[in-house]
Amino acid sequence: MRNSDGSARAVQASSAYLTGMNETAQIAQTFLTQRELAELLQLPERTLEDWRLTHAGPPYMKLGRHVRYDIADVLAWAKEKRRA
């Protein structure tokens, strides 16, 4: 009995861990790296760097040394920049 009980707990723990990973993966998918955004906008990465320095580009966040762009912020920024 003990083994099956322990196995059941291991399966539950693994399932919870994998579920957490899926949630983490979903969160990670809402953020773009500089390279990913440059590819999406078909711009050189250097343009995004210049925009960050001049505050001309989409909002970004820094996580340590890493720059990330929230997709929702990028879309809102692009809508603002759209010309009629």
Protein backbone atom coordinates (compact mmCIF):
# COMPACT_ATOMS: atom_id res chain seq x y z
CA MET A 1 0.00 0.00 0.00
CA ARG A 2 2.76 2.35 0.87
CA ASN A 3 4.34 2.12 -2.57
CA SER A 4 1.12 2.81 -4.44
CA ASP A 5 0.36 5.68 -2.08
CA GLY A 6 3.84 7.10 -2.65
CA SER A 7 3.47 6.62 -6.40
CA ALA A 8 0.15 8.44 -6.39
CA ARG A 9 1.72 11.37 -4.56
CA ALA A 10 4.63 11.39 -7.00
CA VAL A 11 2.20 11.49 -9.93
CA GLN A 12 0.26 14.33 -8.29
CA ALA A 13 3.45 16.26 -7.61
CA SER A 14 4.67 15.72 -11.17
CA SER A 15 1.31 16.79 -12.54
CA ALA A 16 1.31 19.94 -10.40
CA TYR A 17 4.87 20.72 -11.49
CA LEU A 18 4.02 20.26 -15.18
CA THR A 19 0.87 22.36 -14.79
CA GLY A 20 2.99 25.09 -13.26
CA MET A 21 5.42 24.78 -16.15
CA ASN A 22 2.56 25.21 -18.61
CA GLU A 23 1.45 28.37 -16.81
CA THR A 24 5.03 29.63 -16.80
CA ALA A 25 5.35 28.85 -20.50
CA GLN A 26 2.13 30.75 -21.18
CA ILE A 27 3.42 33.76 -19.27
CA ALA A 28 6.74 33.59 -21.10
CA GLN A 29 4.91 33.56 -24.42
CA THR A 30 3.40 36.97 -23.64
CA PHE A 31 6.86 38.53 -23.59
CA LEU A 32 9.21 39.00 -26.53
CA THR A 33 12.96 39.34 -26.58
CA GLN A 34 14.57 42.16 -28.51
CA ARG A 35 15.43 39.75 -31.32
CA GLU A 36 11.88 38.38 -31.51
CA LEU A 37 10.37 41.87 -31.64
CA ALA A 38 12.89 43.00 -34.26
CA GLU A 39 11.94 40.01 -36.42
CA LEU A 40 8.24 40.68 -35.89
CA LEU A 41 8.55 44.36 -36.85
CA GLN A 42 11.14 43.59 -39.55
CA LEU A 43 13.57 46.08 -38.05
CA PRO A 44 17.22 45.86 -37.02
CA GLU A 45 17.74 45.17 -33.33
CA ARG A 46 19.80 48.36 -33.23
CA THR A 47 16.65 50.37 -34.01
CA LEU A 48 14.97 48.98 -30.90
CA GLU A 49 18.07 49.86 -28.86
CA ASP A 50 17.99 53.42 -30.22
CA TRP A 51 14.27 53.69 -29.48
CA ARG A 52 14.86 52.61 -25.88
CA LEU A 53 17.48 55.34 -25.46
CA THR A 54 15.19 58.02 -26.93
CA HIS A 55 11.93 56.63 -25.44
CA ALA A 56 10.49 56.46 -28.96
CA GLY A 57 9.66 52.76 -29.08
CA PRO A 58 7.24 50.41 -27.40
CA PRO A 59 7.28 50.08 -23.61
CA TYR A 60 9.75 47.53 -22.29
CA MET A 61 10.88 46.06 -19.02
CA LYS A 62 14.27 44.98 -17.78
CA LEU A 63 14.64 41.72 -15.92
CA GLY A 64 18.19 41.95 -14.71
CA ARG A 65 20.20 42.58 -17.86
CA HIS A 66 17.47 41.25 -20.12
CA VAL A 67 15.01 43.44 -22.02
CA ARG A 68 11.51 42.09 -22.59
CA TYR A 69 8.52 43.49 -24.43
CA ASP A 70 4.97 42.63 -23.40
CA ILE A 71 3.01 41.75 -26.53
CA ALA A 72 -0.06 43.69 -25.30
CA ASP A 73 2.07 46.83 -24.79
CA VAL A 74 3.62 46.45 -28.24
CA LEU A 75 0.19 46.13 -29.87
CA ALA A 76 -1.13 49.18 -27.98
CA TRP A 77 1.97 51.17 -28.97
CA ALA A 78 1.56 50.14 -32.62
CA LYS A 79 -2.10 51.26 -32.59
CA GLU A 80 -1.05 54.66 -31.25
CA LYS A 81 1.50 55.01 -34.04
CA ARG A 82 -0.95 54.05 -36.78
CA ARG A 83 -1.72 56.88 -39.16
CA ALA A 84 -5.20 57.49 -40.48
